[in-house]
C-alpha cells in the first residue's frame, strides 16, 4: 500500500510538471487568470445541470475546491505583489480580504459531504463571492494593471511564466489560517503542498485533475 502511494505521488508530480508546457508558458498573466476563471465557471455550470447525480456533484465540488485553492494562492504569490507595486496597497488588500472569506467558506465545504442538506447552499455562497471577485478582476483591476505605465507585454508574459511554474509548490486545499503575503505565504504554501497532494491522491483515486 505504501509503495503504491509513493508511486502515485511520483506519477502525479511528473504529471504536474508536464502541463507547464511551452504553450502554457507563452501566455500572459491576464489570459491565464481568465482561463482559470472560465474553468471554475464551467465546473459550476455542470454542477447545476438538471440530472447531475450526488456523486457527480461531489466530484465537481472537489474540483472547484482544488481549482479555487490553487488559483487563490497563485494570485497571492505572483499577481498581488505586482498589483501592489503598480496600483498601490488598497487594491491587493481588498482582494486578499475576499480571498480570506473564500478560504473560510471553502474550508467549511471541504469538510462537508454532498449528503449534507446545506451542501448546495454552501457552494452557492462560495460562487456568489467568487463571481463578484472574478468580475472585479476581469472588468476593472486586470485591464487597469495591464494598461498601467511601466507594465509591458514582456512583463505580463514573465508573470504568466511565474504563474504556471508556481503551481508546482502550491497547496490544493483551503488554509484559512495560513499567511497570505510574501514571504511567509511562500514558506507556508510549500509546506502545505505535499500534504494536500497526498490527500488529493486519495480523494481523486490517484489522479488529481491537472
Protein backbone atom coordinates (compact mmCIF):
# COMPACT_ATOMS: atom_id res chain seq x y z
CA UNK A 1 0.00 0.00 0.00
CA UNK A 2 2.78 2.40 0.96
CA UNK A 3 4.63 1.67 -2.26
CA UNK A 4 1.51 2.34 -4.31
CA UNK A 5 1.04 5.72 -2.65
CA UNK A 6 4.65 6.66 -3.37
CA UNK A 7 4.31 5.50 -6.98
CA UNK A 8 1.13 7.56 -7.43
CA UNK A 9 2.83 10.54 -5.83
CA UNK A 10 5.79 10.34 -8.20
CA UNK A 11 3.50 9.91 -11.21
CA UNK A 12 1.37 12.80 -10.03
CA UNK A 13 4.37 15.08 -9.65
CA UNK A 14 5.51 14.16 -13.16
CA UNK A 15 2.02 14.93 -14.44
CA UNK A 16 2.07 18.23 -12.57
CA UNK A 17 5.30 19.23 -14.30
CA UNK A 18 4.13 18.14 -17.74
CA UNK A 19 1.33 20.75 -18.08
CA UNK A 20 3.90 23.52 -17.68
CA UNK A 21 4.48 23.29 -21.40
CA UNK A 22 5.83 25.71 -23.94
CA UNK A 23 2.28 26.62 -24.96
CA UNK A 24 1.19 27.49 -21.42
CA UNK A 25 4.39 29.44 -20.83
CA UNK A 26 3.66 31.58 -23.89
CA UNK A 27 0.52 33.15 -22.39
CA UNK A 28 0.37 36.39 -20.44
CA UNK A 29 -0.92 36.59 -16.89
CA UNK A 30 -4.25 38.20 -17.81
CA UNK A 31 -5.14 35.38 -20.19
CA UNK A 32 -4.11 32.69 -17.70
CA UNK A 33 -6.24 34.22 -14.94
CA UNK A 34 -9.25 34.40 -17.26
CA UNK A 35 -8.73 30.74 -18.22
CA UNK A 36 -8.78 29.73 -14.56
CA UNK A 37 -11.95 31.75 -14.00
CA UNK A 38 -13.63 30.14 -17.01
CA UNK A 39 -12.70 26.69 -15.75
CA UNK A 40 -14.39 27.28 -12.40
CA UNK A 41 -17.47 28.79 -14.03
CA UNK A 42 -17.73 25.74 -16.28
CA UNK A 43 -17.46 23.34 -13.33
CA UNK A 44 -20.26 25.15 -11.51
CA UNK A 45 -22.48 25.15 -14.59
CA UNK A 46 -22.02 21.38 -14.76
CA UNK A 47 -22.84 21.13 -11.05
CA UNK A 48 -26.14 22.97 -11.57
CA UNK A 49 -27.25 20.96 -14.60
CA UNK A 50 -30.50 19.00 -14.15
CA UNK A 51 -29.81 15.34 -13.65
CA UNK A 52 -26.38 15.78 -12.08
CA UNK A 53 -26.08 12.94 -9.58
CA UNK A 54 -24.88 13.30 -5.99
CA UNK A 55 -21.63 11.50 -6.86
CA UNK A 56 -21.06 13.83 -9.80
CA UNK A 57 -21.79 16.85 -7.62
CA UNK A 58 -19.27 15.65 -5.05
CA UNK A 59 -16.58 15.28 -7.72
CA UNK A 60 -17.37 18.67 -9.26
CA UNK A 61 -17.32 20.37 -5.85
CA UNK A 62 -13.95 18.78 -5.07
CA UNK A 63 -12.64 20.08 -8.39
CA UNK A 64 -13.92 23.58 -7.59
CA UNK A 65 -12.25 23.47 -4.16
CA UNK A 66 -8.98 22.44 -5.79
CA UNK A 67 -9.17 24.98 -8.61
CA UNK A 68 -10.05 27.92 -6.37
CA UNK A 69 -7.44 27.00 -3.75
CA UNK A 70 -4.66 26.79 -6.34
CA UNK A 71 -5.85 29.93 -8.10
CA UNK A 72 -6.01 31.96 -4.89
CA UNK A 73 -2.51 31.04 -3.79
CA UNK A 74 -1.12 31.71 -7.28
CA UNK A 75 -2.64 35.18 -7.15
CA UNK A 76 -1.24 35.80 -3.67
CA UNK A 77 2.28 34.75 -4.65
CA UNK A 78 2.51 36.11 -8.20
CA UNK A 79 -0.16 38.68 -9.02
CA UNK A 80 -0.99 40.65 -5.90
CA UNK A 81 2.60 41.74 -5.16
CA UNK A 82 2.72 43.06 -8.74
CA UNK A 83 -0.62 44.83 -8.29
CA UNK A 84 0.66 46.36 -5.07
CA UNK A 85 3.71 47.77 -6.86
CA UNK A 86 1.66 49.22 -9.72
CA UNK A 87 -1.76 50.14 -8.29
CA UNK A 88 -0.96 50.68 -4.61
CA UNK A 89 -1.75 48.85 -1.39
CA UNK A 90 -5.53 49.22 -1.25
CA UNK A 91 -6.23 47.07 -4.30
CA UNK A 92 -4.48 43.85 -3.18
CA UNK A 93 -5.59 44.32 0.43
CA UNK A 94 -9.21 44.40 -0.73
CA UNK A 95 -8.68 41.28 -2.86
CA UNK A 96 -6.94 39.46 -0.01
CA UNK A 97 -9.94 40.15 2.23
CA UNK A 98 -12.17 38.48 -0.36
CA UNK A 99 -9.74 35.57 -0.55
CA UNK A 100 -9.94 35.13 3.21
CA UNK A 101 -13.72 34.94 3.04
CA UNK A 102 -13.48 32.40 0.23
CA UNK A 103 -10.98 30.24 2.12
CA UNK A 104 -13.21 30.10 5.16
CA UNK A 105 -16.23 29.13 3.05
CA UNK A 106 -14.19 26.59 1.08
CA UNK A 107 -12.86 25.05 4.28
CA UNK A 108 -16.40 24.54 5.52
CA UNK A 109 -17.42 22.96 2.21
CA UNK A 110 -14.27 20.83 2.14
CA UNK A 111 -15.23 19.25 5.46
CA UNK A 112 -18.83 18.66 4.35
CA UNK A 113 -20.37 15.85 2.34
CA UNK A 114 -22.74 16.16 -0.57
CA UNK A 115 -25.37 14.38 1.54
CA UNK A 116 -25.44 17.42 3.86
CA UNK A 117 -28.64 19.39 3.09
CA UNK A 118 -26.57 22.60 3.33
CA UNK A 119 -24.01 21.46 0.75
CA UNK A 120 -25.65 23.12 -2.28
CA UNK A 121 -26.16 26.35 -0.35
CA UNK A 122 -22.56 26.45 0.82
CA UNK A 123 -21.28 26.05 -2.71
CA UNK A 124 -23.71 28.71 -3.92
CA UNK A 125 -22.39 31.11 -1.24
CA UNK A 126 -18.84 30.44 -2.46
CA UNK A 127 -19.78 31.06 -6.07
CA UNK A 128 -21.54 34.33 -5.26
CA UNK A 129 -18.40 35.68 -3.59
CA UNK A 130 -16.19 34.22 -6.30
CA UNK A 131 -18.20 35.52 -9.25
CA UNK A 132 -18.11 39.03 -7.78
CA UNK A 133 -14.36 38.66 -7.24
CA UNK A 134 -13.75 37.41 -10.80
CA UNK A 135 -15.94 40.13 -12.31
CA UNK A 136 -13.97 42.80 -10.43
CA UNK A 137 -10.64 41.39 -11.60
CA UNK A 138 -11.63 40.84 -15.22
CA UNK A 139 -13.55 44.06 -15.83
CA UNK A 140 -11.56 46.53 -13.75
CA UNK A 141 -8.34 45.56 -12.00
CA UNK A 142 -6.60 43.47 -14.63
CA UNK A 143 -7.30 45.91 -17.50
CA UNK A 144 -6.04 48.81 -15.35
CA UNK A 145 -2.96 46.83 -14.38
CA UNK A 146 -2.17 45.78 -17.96
CA UNK A 147 -2.58 49.38 -19.20
CA UNK A 148 -0.57 50.99 -16.37
CA UNK A 149 2.63 52.84 -17.08
CA UNK A 150 5.64 50.56 -16.92
CA UNK A 151 3.66 47.33 -17.42
CA UNK A 152 4.91 45.88 -20.69
CA UNK A 153 3.79 42.83 -22.62
CA UNK A 154 7.08 41.19 -21.69
CA UNK A 155 6.34 41.78 -18.02
CA UNK A 156 2.86 40.26 -18.38
CA UNK A 157 4.44 37.23 -20.07
CA UNK A 158 7.00 36.96 -17.29
CA UNK A 159 4.22 36.95 -14.70
CA UNK A 160 2.47 34.29 -16.78
CA UNK A 161 5.52 32.04 -16.60
CA UNK A 162 5.75 32.52 -12.84
CA UNK A 163 2.03 31.75 -12.58
CA UNK A 164 2.39 28.44 -14.41
CA UNK A 165 5.51 27.24 -12.61
CA UNK A 166 4.30 28.30 -9.15
CA UNK A 167 1.58 25.64 -9.13
CA UNK A 168 4.28 23.01 -8.61
CA UNK A 169 4.64 24.06 -4.96
CA UNK A 170 1.16 25.33 -4.04
CA UNK A 171 -1.49 23.75 -1.79
CA UNK A 172 -4.71 22.49 -3.34
CA UNK A 173 -6.91 22.80 -0.26
CA UNK A 174 -8.06 25.92 1.62
CA UNK A 175 -5.92 27.02 4.58
CA UNK A 176 -7.71 29.99 6.16
CA UNK A 177 -5.15 30.47 8.94
CA UNK A 178 -2.09 30.49 6.68
CA UNK A 179 -0.32 33.79 5.87
CA UNK A 180 -1.27 35.30 2.51
CA UNK A 181 1.55 37.77 1.86
CA UNK A 182 5.21 37.23 0.92
CA UNK A 183 7.48 35.93 2.18
CA UNK A 184 5.63 33.90 4.83
CA UNK A 185 2.93 32.67 2.44
CA UNK A 186 5.57 31.17 0.15
CA UNK A 187 7.02 29.14 3.02
CA UNK A 188 3.58 28.07 4.28
CA UNK A 189 2.39 27.11 0.79
CA UNK A 190 5.44 24.96 0.10
CA UNK A 191 4.97 23.21 3.46
CA UNK A 192 1.27 22.51 2.86
CA UNK A 193 1.60 21.32 -0.73
CA UNK A 194 2.89 17.75 -0.10
CA UNK A 195 0.16 17.06 2.47
CA UNK A 196 -2.57 18.39 0.19
CA UNK A 197 -1.14 16.46 -2.74
CA UNK A 198 -1.34 13.16 -0.85
CA UNK A 199 -4.86 13.98 0.33
CA UNK A 200 -5.88 14.66 -3.25
CA UNK A 201 -4.39 11.35 -4.36
CA UNK A 202 -6.89 9.67 -2.05
CA UNK A 203 -9.77 11.98 -2.94
CA UNK A 204 -9.28 11.66 -6.70
CA UNK A 205 -8.19 7.99 -6.59
CA UNK A 206 -4.60 8.64 -7.60
CA UNK A 207 -5.37 11.09 -10.41
CA UNK A 208 -5.81 14.69 -9.22
CA UNK A 209 -7.02 16.95 -12.03
CA UNK A 210 -4.29 18.88 -13.84
